[in-house]
Amino acid sequence: MTACSDRILLTCLILDLFSRWYALDDISIRVNHTGPMKVDEGYEFQCDIHTVAEVVVRMYKGHHQVNETIFTFNTSDRNPYKVQIHPNKNDDGAQYWCEAEQKLGEESQRPKVTSKPLSITVHYGPIINKTKLPSIVPVFRGYPVEIVCEAEGNPTPSIRWNLSTTDIVYSETLTITESTPEDLQCIANNSAGITIRCVKVVLKEDYLPLIAGLVAITVAFISVIFIFIYSIYYKKAKMGRYNLKDVKLSQQNGDIAQNGKDNSIPMKKLSQSNILA
């Protein structure tokens, strides 16, 4: 600086003041709310920027850009950039942050400043898992069934079963039998809301033992008939059975006797007196 002439010195001072005047100093983000947020309610997020230059201001949620606006600020005070946000249950724990980029100069050489991230907490009411808890539950006599009431929420919901106005069970699971009331209620509750799931218990008779008994009786009846028929057939077959060897021998002996060649049979000559006698 000391080597500059008066004119050059004046020019340097002007350029220095100009650069300081239009430079991006810093940026911060805040929200006009304290404590946890609620789902679908509107909240105003604000980025405070210290500059008087024309800048592009962007707001991000994580790596996703939420909004972008070009501002020309004309005061050295912090200039607010406001965006209305309606968080959902998936925004719990999300981080929002702002970025400001100066419009002057080459795009590759434009200065940028970013704010520190702002983490938010979102509370939402219970959401009962309907897949795990159908509205109609069949139960067979003599066969208990366990049903589950599972609910998502922030804060974590408390679960209770209303079996009647006086009979209440504080548990996610419930075992139902034929003596369980027909109409049940699963109630999930937290500071953000309450959700009720109605369940109807349908009692059904188990016909499997009856069917098995009928099948057994039918099989026994068919078996008796089969044994009876078989015994009759067996008796007839036995009465009509003969030995071919014995028949052949009898036939041969008869033929020999007829031809007078069977010497085993004594032949006695009969006299006339014997005949007359």
Protein backbone atom coordinates (compact mmCIF):
# COMPACT_ATOMS: atom_id res chain seq x y z
CA MET A 1 0.00 0.00 0.00
CA THR A 2 2.83 2.45 0.84
CA ALA A 3 4.20 2.17 -2.72
CA CYS A 4 0.96 3.36 -4.28
CA SER A 5 0.56 6.93 -5.45
CA ASP A 6 -2.21 8.99 -3.99
CA ARG A 7 -4.51 8.14 -6.91
CA ILE A 8 -3.73 4.48 -6.76
CA LEU A 9 -4.08 4.56 -3.00
CA LEU A 10 -7.52 6.12 -3.31
CA THR A 11 -8.52 3.53 -5.91
CA CYS A 12 -7.30 0.69 -3.70
CA LEU A 13 -9.27 2.05 -0.76
CA ILE A 14 -12.44 2.37 -2.85
CA LEU A 15 -12.08 -1.16 -4.19
CA ASP A 16 -11.42 -2.48 -0.71
CA LEU A 17 -14.47 -0.73 0.68
CA PHE A 18 -16.56 -1.95 -2.27
CA SER A 19 -15.45 -5.53 -1.82
CA ARG A 20 -16.13 -5.38 1.92
CA TRP A 21 -19.54 -3.75 1.30
CA TYR A 22 -20.68 -6.43 -1.15
CA ALA A 23 -18.92 -9.40 0.38
CA LEU A 24 -20.86 -12.22 1.98
CA ASP A 25 -20.12 -12.17 5.66
CA ASP A 26 -22.02 -15.13 7.13
CA ILE A 27 -25.42 -16.80 7.16
CA SER A 28 -27.46 -18.55 9.83
CA ILE A 29 -30.75 -20.43 9.99
CA ARG A 30 -33.44 -20.47 12.67
CA VAL A 31 -37.10 -21.31 13.11
CA ASN A 32 -39.81 -19.39 14.91
CA HIS A 33 -40.63 -22.31 17.18
CA THR A 34 -39.20 -24.06 20.19
CA GLY A 35 -39.60 -27.73 21.06
CA PRO A 36 -40.86 -30.60 18.90
CA MET A 37 -42.89 -29.87 15.78
CA LYS A 38 -46.13 -31.56 14.78
CA VAL A 39 -46.93 -33.22 11.48
CA ASP A 40 -48.52 -31.03 8.77
CA GLU A 41 -48.43 -27.86 10.85
CA GLY A 42 -46.72 -24.83 9.28
CA TYR A 43 -43.42 -23.49 10.61
CA GLU A 44 -41.42 -20.52 9.36
CA PHE A 45 -37.73 -21.21 8.75
CA GLN A 46 -35.57 -18.12 8.41
CA CYS A 47 -32.10 -17.63 6.96
CA ASP A 48 -30.34 -14.48 8.20
CA ILE A 49 -27.75 -13.12 5.74
CA HIS A 50 -25.26 -10.32 6.42
CA THR A 51 -24.69 -8.66 3.03
CA VAL A 52 -26.02 -5.96 0.74
CA ALA A 53 -25.11 -7.64 -2.54
CA GLU A 54 -27.41 -9.47 -4.92
CA VAL A 55 -27.29 -13.10 -3.85
CA VAL A 56 -28.95 -16.41 -4.60
CA VAL A 57 -30.30 -17.96 -1.40
CA ARG A 58 -31.10 -21.66 -1.22
CA MET A 59 -32.55 -23.78 1.55
CA TYR A 60 -31.79 -27.49 1.85
CA LYS A 61 -33.17 -30.43 3.78
CA GLY A 62 -30.25 -32.80 3.96
CA HIS A 63 -29.00 -33.02 0.36
CA HIS A 64 -32.36 -32.05 -1.13
CA GLN A 65 -32.95 -28.45 -2.18
CA VAL A 66 -36.20 -27.08 -0.78
CA ASN A 67 -36.30 -23.54 -2.20
CA GLU A 68 -34.25 -20.98 -4.15
CA THR A 69 -34.68 -17.21 -4.35
CA ILE A 70 -32.63 -14.24 -5.65
CA PHE A 71 -32.38 -11.33 -3.22
CA THR A 72 -30.96 -7.84 -3.52
CA PHE A 73 -30.23 -6.62 -0.03
CA ASN A 74 -29.81 -2.89 0.59
CA THR A 75 -28.81 -2.76 4.24
CA SER A 76 -25.83 -3.88 6.22
CA ASP A 77 -28.10 -5.45 8.86
CA ARG A 78 -28.99 -9.10 8.73
CA ASN A 79 -31.54 -9.68 6.02
CA PRO A 80 -34.09 -12.45 6.63
CA TYR A 81 -35.01 -15.02 4.00
CA LYS A 82 -38.13 -16.92 5.12
CA VAL A 83 -39.58 -20.22 3.95
CA GLN A 84 -42.76 -21.92 5.20
CA ILE A 85 -42.20 -25.62 5.99
CA HIS A 86 -44.83 -28.29 6.72
CA PRO A 87 -42.91 -31.28 8.15
CA ASN A 88 -44.11 -34.87 7.90
CA LYS A 89 -43.26 -37.89 10.06
CA ASN A 90 -40.22 -38.70 7.89
CA ASP A 91 -38.73 -35.28 8.72
CA ASP A 92 -38.04 -36.31 12.31
CA GLY A 93 -34.31 -35.76 12.80
CA ALA A 94 -33.91 -33.97 9.45
CA GLN A 95 -31.33 -31.21 9.09
CA TYR A 96 -32.14 -27.92 7.35
CA TRP A 97 -29.47 -25.45 6.26
CA CYS A 98 -29.09 -22.38 4.06
CA GLU A 99 -26.64 -21.37 1.36
CA ALA A 100 -26.02 -17.93 -0.13
CA GLU A 101 -24.11 -17.36 -3.37
CA GLN A 102 -23.07 -13.95 -4.66
CA LYS A 103 -24.27 -13.05 -8.15
CA LEU A 104 -21.30 -10.83 -9.06
CA GLY A 105 -18.36 -12.14 -11.06
CA GLU A 106 -17.73 -15.38 -12.87
CA GLU A 107 -19.90 -18.29 -11.82
CA SER A 108 -16.92 -20.47 -10.93
CA GLN A 109 -15.47 -17.69 -8.74
CA ARG A 110 -18.62 -16.57 -6.92
CA PRO A 111 -18.23 -16.80 -3.16
CA LYS A 112 -20.64 -18.96 -1.15
CA VAL A 113 -21.44 -19.19 2.51
CA THR A 114 -23.43 -21.88 4.27
CA SER A 115 -25.13 -21.96 7.64
CA LYS A 116 -24.77 -24.57 10.34
CA PRO A 117 -27.45 -27.28 10.06
CA LEU A 118 -30.60 -27.03 12.13
CA SER A 119 -31.96 -30.41 13.32
CA ILE A 120 -35.68 -30.68 13.98
CA THR A 121 -37.81 -33.10 16.00
CA VAL A 122 -41.23 -34.05 14.66
CA HIS A 123 -43.94 -35.64 16.78
CA TYR A 124 -46.76 -37.57 15.13
CA GLY A 125 -49.70 -39.63 16.32
CA PRO A 126 -49.83 -43.45 16.43
CA ILE A 127 -50.20 -45.44 13.22
CA ILE A 128 -51.47 -48.99 13.86
CA ASN A 129 -50.19 -51.74 11.57
CA LYS A 130 -53.40 -53.02 9.94
CA THR A 131 -51.58 -55.85 8.17
CA LYS A 132 -50.68 -57.48 11.49
CA LEU A 133 -54.07 -56.72 13.02
CA PRO A 134 -57.02 -57.48 10.68
CA SER A 135 -60.47 -56.16 11.52
CA ILE A 136 -61.96 -59.70 11.67
CA VAL A 137 -60.21 -62.52 13.53
CA PRO A 138 -61.62 -66.10 13.41
CA VAL A 139 -61.07 -68.37 16.40
CA PHE A 140 -61.90 -72.09 16.63
CA ARG A 141 -63.27 -73.57 19.78
CA GLY A 142 -60.43 -75.07 21.79
CA TYR A 143 -57.68 -73.36 19.75
CA PRO A 144 -56.44 -70.03 21.27
CA VAL A 145 -55.14 -67.36 18.88
CA GLU A 146 -52.59 -64.61 19.65
CA ILE A 147 -53.13 -61.25 17.94
CA VAL A 148 -50.71 -58.29 17.85
CA CYS A 149 -51.43 -54.57 17.94
CA GLU A 150 -48.28 -52.82 16.69
CA ALA A 151 -48.21 -49.04 16.37
CA GLU A 152 -45.65 -46.54 15.07
CA GLY A 153 -45.43 -43.02 16.47
CA ASN A 154 -43.25 -40.35 18.04
CA PRO A 155 -43.12 -40.45 21.02
CA THR A 156 -43.49 -44.24 21.21
CA PRO A 157 -47.20 -44.99 21.73
CA SER A 158 -48.62 -46.93 24.65
CA ILE A 159 -50.89 -49.87 23.71
CA ARG A 160 -53.93 -51.22 25.49
CA TRP A 161 -56.80 -53.58 24.69
CA ASN A 162 -60.35 -52.77 25.73
CA LEU A 163 -62.25 -56.05 26.12
CA SER A 164 -65.05 -54.27 27.95
CA THR A 165 -65.56 -51.10 29.92
CA THR A 166 -63.80 -52.66 32.90
CA ASP A 167 -61.59 -55.35 31.37
CA ILE A 168 -58.41 -53.66 30.02
CA VAL A 169 -55.15 -55.34 29.01
CA TYR A 170 -51.96 -53.24 28.69
CA SER A 171 -49.95 -55.21 26.14
CA GLU A 172 -49.23 -55.34 22.41
CA THR A 173 -50.28 -59.01 22.27
CA LEU A 174 -53.60 -60.55 23.28
CA THR A 175 -54.61 -64.21 23.41
CA ILE A 176 -58.22 -64.77 22.38
CA THR A 177 -60.37 -67.86 22.92
CA GLU A 178 -64.03 -68.79 22.48
CA SER A 179 -64.77 -66.92 25.73
CA THR A 180 -63.25 -63.61 24.48
CA PRO A 181 -65.84 -60.87 23.84
CA GLU A 182 -66.90 -60.49 20.23
CA ASP A 183 -65.92 -56.81 19.92
CA LEU A 184 -62.43 -55.63 20.89
CA GLN A 185 -60.57 -52.33 20.67
CA CYS A 186 -56.84 -51.73 20.35
CA ILE A 187 -56.00 -48.21 21.50
CA ALA A 188 -52.62 -46.60 20.73
CA ASN A 189 -51.93 -43.31 22.46
CA ASN A 190 -49.12 -40.74 22.72
CA SER A 191 -48.79 -36.99 23.27
CA ALA A 192 -49.43 -36.29 19.57
CA GLY A 193 -52.71 -38.18 19.29
CA ILE A 194 -54.75 -41.35 19.73
CA THR A 195 -55.67 -44.13 17.28
CA ILE A 196 -58.32 -46.84 17.78
CA ARG A 197 -58.53 -50.12 15.85
CA CYS A 198 -61.75 -52.17 16.20
CA VAL A 199 -61.53 -55.95 15.96
CA LYS A 200 -64.40 -58.45 15.69
CA VAL A 201 -63.84 -61.98 16.99
CA VAL A 202 -65.74 -64.61 14.97
CA LEU A 203 -66.19 -67.97 16.71
CA LYS A 204 -66.05 -70.99 14.39
CA GLU A 205 -66.62 -74.67 15.03
CA ASP A 206 -63.84 -77.13 14.28
CA TYR A 207 -65.37 -79.81 12.05
CA LEU A 208 -62.10 -81.65 11.55
CA PRO A 209 -62.64 -84.21 14.35
CA LEU A 210 -66.18 -84.87 13.06
CA ILE A 211 -64.91 -85.35 9.52
CA ALA A 212 -62.14 -87.64 10.78
CA GLY A 213 -64.69 -89.70 12.72
CA LEU A 214 -66.95 -90.05 9.69
CA VAL A 215 -64.01 -91.12 7.56
CA ALA A 216 -63.01 -93.72 10.16
CA ILE A 217 -66.56 -95.09 10.35
CA THR A 218 -66.78 -95.26 6.55
CA VAL A 219 -63.46 -97.09 6.31
CA ALA A 220 -64.54 -99.56 9.03
CA PHE A 221 -67.88 -100.19 7.29
CA ILE A 222 -66.20 -100.81 3.95
CA SER A 223 -63.72 -103.14 5.64
CA VAL A 224 -66.54 -105.20 7.21
CA ILE A 225 -68.32 -105.52 3.86
CA PHE A 226 -65.11 -106.57 2.17
CA ILE A 227 -64.38 -109.21 4.84
CA PHE A 228 -67.94 -110.52 4.58
CA ILE A 229 -67.80 -110.84 0.80
CA TYR A 230 -64.38 -112.43 0.93
CA SER A 231 -65.48 -115.03 3.51
CA ILE A 232 -68.45 -116.06 1.34
CA TYR A 233 -66.30 -116.37 -1.73
CA TYR A 234 -63.67 -118.32 0.21
CA LYS A 235 -66.23 -120.87 1.47
CA LYS A 236 -67.64 -121.45 -2.00
CA ALA A 237 -64.20 -121.85 -3.45
CA LYS A 238 -63.26 -124.38 -0.75
CA MET A 239 -66.39 -126.50 -1.28
CA GLY A 240 -65.76 -126.75 -4.98
CA ARG A 241 -62.08 -127.65 -4.63
CA TYR A 242 -60.84 -131.11 -5.69
CA ASN A 243 -57.53 -132.90 -6.24
CA LEU A 244 -56.77 -133.68 -9.87
CA LYS A 245 -54.37 -136.46 -8.79
CA ASP A 246 -57.09 -138.29 -6.85
CA VAL A 247 -59.51 -137.92 -9.72
CA LYS A 248 -56.99 -139.34 -12.15
CA LEU A 249 -56.26 -142.33 -9.90
CA SER A 250 -59.97 -143.08 -9.40
CA GLN A 251 -60.58 -142.93 -13.11
CA GLN A 252 -57.64 -145.24 -13.79
CA ASN A 253 -58.81 -147.79 -11.23
CA GLY A 254 -62.27 -147.76 -12.74
CA ASP A 255 -60.89 -148.41 -16.18
CA ILE A 256 -58.77 -151.29 -14.90
CA ALA A 257 -61.71 -152.83 -13.17
CA GLN A 258 -63.76 -152.61 -16.30
CA ASN A 259 -61.09 -154.31 -18.39
CA GLY A 260 -60.64 -157.15 -15.88
CA LYS A 261 -57.04 -156.32 -15.38
CA ASP A 262 -57.13 -155.25 -11.77
CA ASN A 263 -55.61 -158.25 -9.95
CA SER A 264 -55.76 -156.50 -6.62
CA ILE A 265 -59.46 -157.16 -6.31
CA PRO A 266 -60.17 -160.89 -5.60
CA MET A 267 -62.58 -162.34 -8.10
CA LYS A 268 -64.69 -165.27 -6.95
CA LYS A 269 -66.53 -167.46 -9.32
CA LEU A 270 -70.16 -167.62 -8.45
CA SER A 271 -71.98 -170.93 -8.83
CA GLN A 272 -75.58 -171.23 -9.73
CA SER A 273 -76.38 -172.33 -6.25
CA ASN A 274 -74.88 -169.26 -4.84
CA ILE A 275 -76.85 -167.15 -7.23
CA LEU A 276 -80.09 -168.90 -6.41
CA ALA A 277 -79.36 -168.58 -2.77
